[in-house]
Amino acid sequence: MVQYTGTPDGRLAIRTVAGRLAAGAGAATLMLIAVAAAVAATVALVGSAGV
């Protein structure tokens, strides 16, 4: 999907869309890392509690 920003330079529009997709992928990756860290911390706490 290509979105046009209204500029005569089509490459700029494509680059903008690619940048948005990359930013979205980066945010999703950071979220997955945060969730994994939270799960690991929970497992460590439960394990140290001897449950």
Protein backbone atom coordinates (compact mmCIF):
# COMPACT_ATOMS: atom_id res chain seq x y z
CA MET A 1 0.00 0.00 0.00
CA VAL A 2 1.40 3.36 -1.01
CA GLN A 3 0.12 6.59 0.46
CA TYR A 4 0.76 9.88 -1.28
CA THR A 5 1.52 12.85 0.93
CA GLY A 6 0.57 15.37 -1.77
CA THR A 7 4.18 16.10 -2.68
CA PRO A 8 5.35 15.74 -6.29
CA ASP A 9 8.05 13.33 -5.11
CA GLY A 10 6.54 9.84 -5.02
CA ARG A 11 9.67 8.40 -3.41
CA LEU A 12 9.16 10.66 -0.38
CA ALA A 13 5.67 9.25 0.12
CA ILE A 14 6.90 5.67 -0.17
CA ARG A 15 9.73 6.39 2.24
CA THR A 16 7.25 7.90 4.70
CA VAL A 17 5.04 4.81 4.61
CA ALA A 18 8.08 2.56 5.02
CA GLY A 19 9.18 4.65 8.00
CA ARG A 20 5.76 4.30 9.62
CA LEU A 21 5.81 0.54 9.09
CA ALA A 22 9.32 0.30 10.55
CA ALA A 23 8.31 2.39 13.56
CA GLY A 24 5.27 0.17 14.11
CA ALA A 25 7.39 -2.97 13.90
CA GLY A 26 9.90 -1.48 16.34
CA ALA A 27 7.16 -0.61 18.82
CA ALA A 28 5.69 -4.11 18.55
CA THR A 29 9.13 -5.62 19.14
CA LEU A 30 9.71 -3.45 22.22
CA MET A 31 6.27 -4.43 23.53
CA LEU A 32 7.06 -8.13 23.07
CA ILE A 33 10.39 -7.66 24.87
CA ALA A 34 8.63 -5.87 27.75
CA VAL A 35 6.03 -8.65 28.03
CA ALA A 36 8.75 -11.31 27.97
CA ALA A 37 10.66 -9.46 30.71
CA ALA A 38 7.52 -9.18 32.83
CA VAL A 39 6.82 -12.91 32.43
CA ALA A 40 10.42 -13.75 33.31
CA ALA A 41 10.26 -11.54 36.41
CA THR A 42 6.99 -13.15 37.49
CA VAL A 43 8.43 -16.63 37.03
CA ALA A 44 11.50 -15.64 39.02
CA LEU A 45 9.38 -14.24 41.86
CA VAL A 46 7.16 -17.31 41.97
CA GLY A 47 10.20 -19.58 41.84
CA SER A 48 11.95 -17.73 44.66
CA ALA A 49 8.76 -17.90 46.76
CA GLY A 50 8.90 -21.68 46.48
CA VAL A 51 5.35 -21.98 45.17
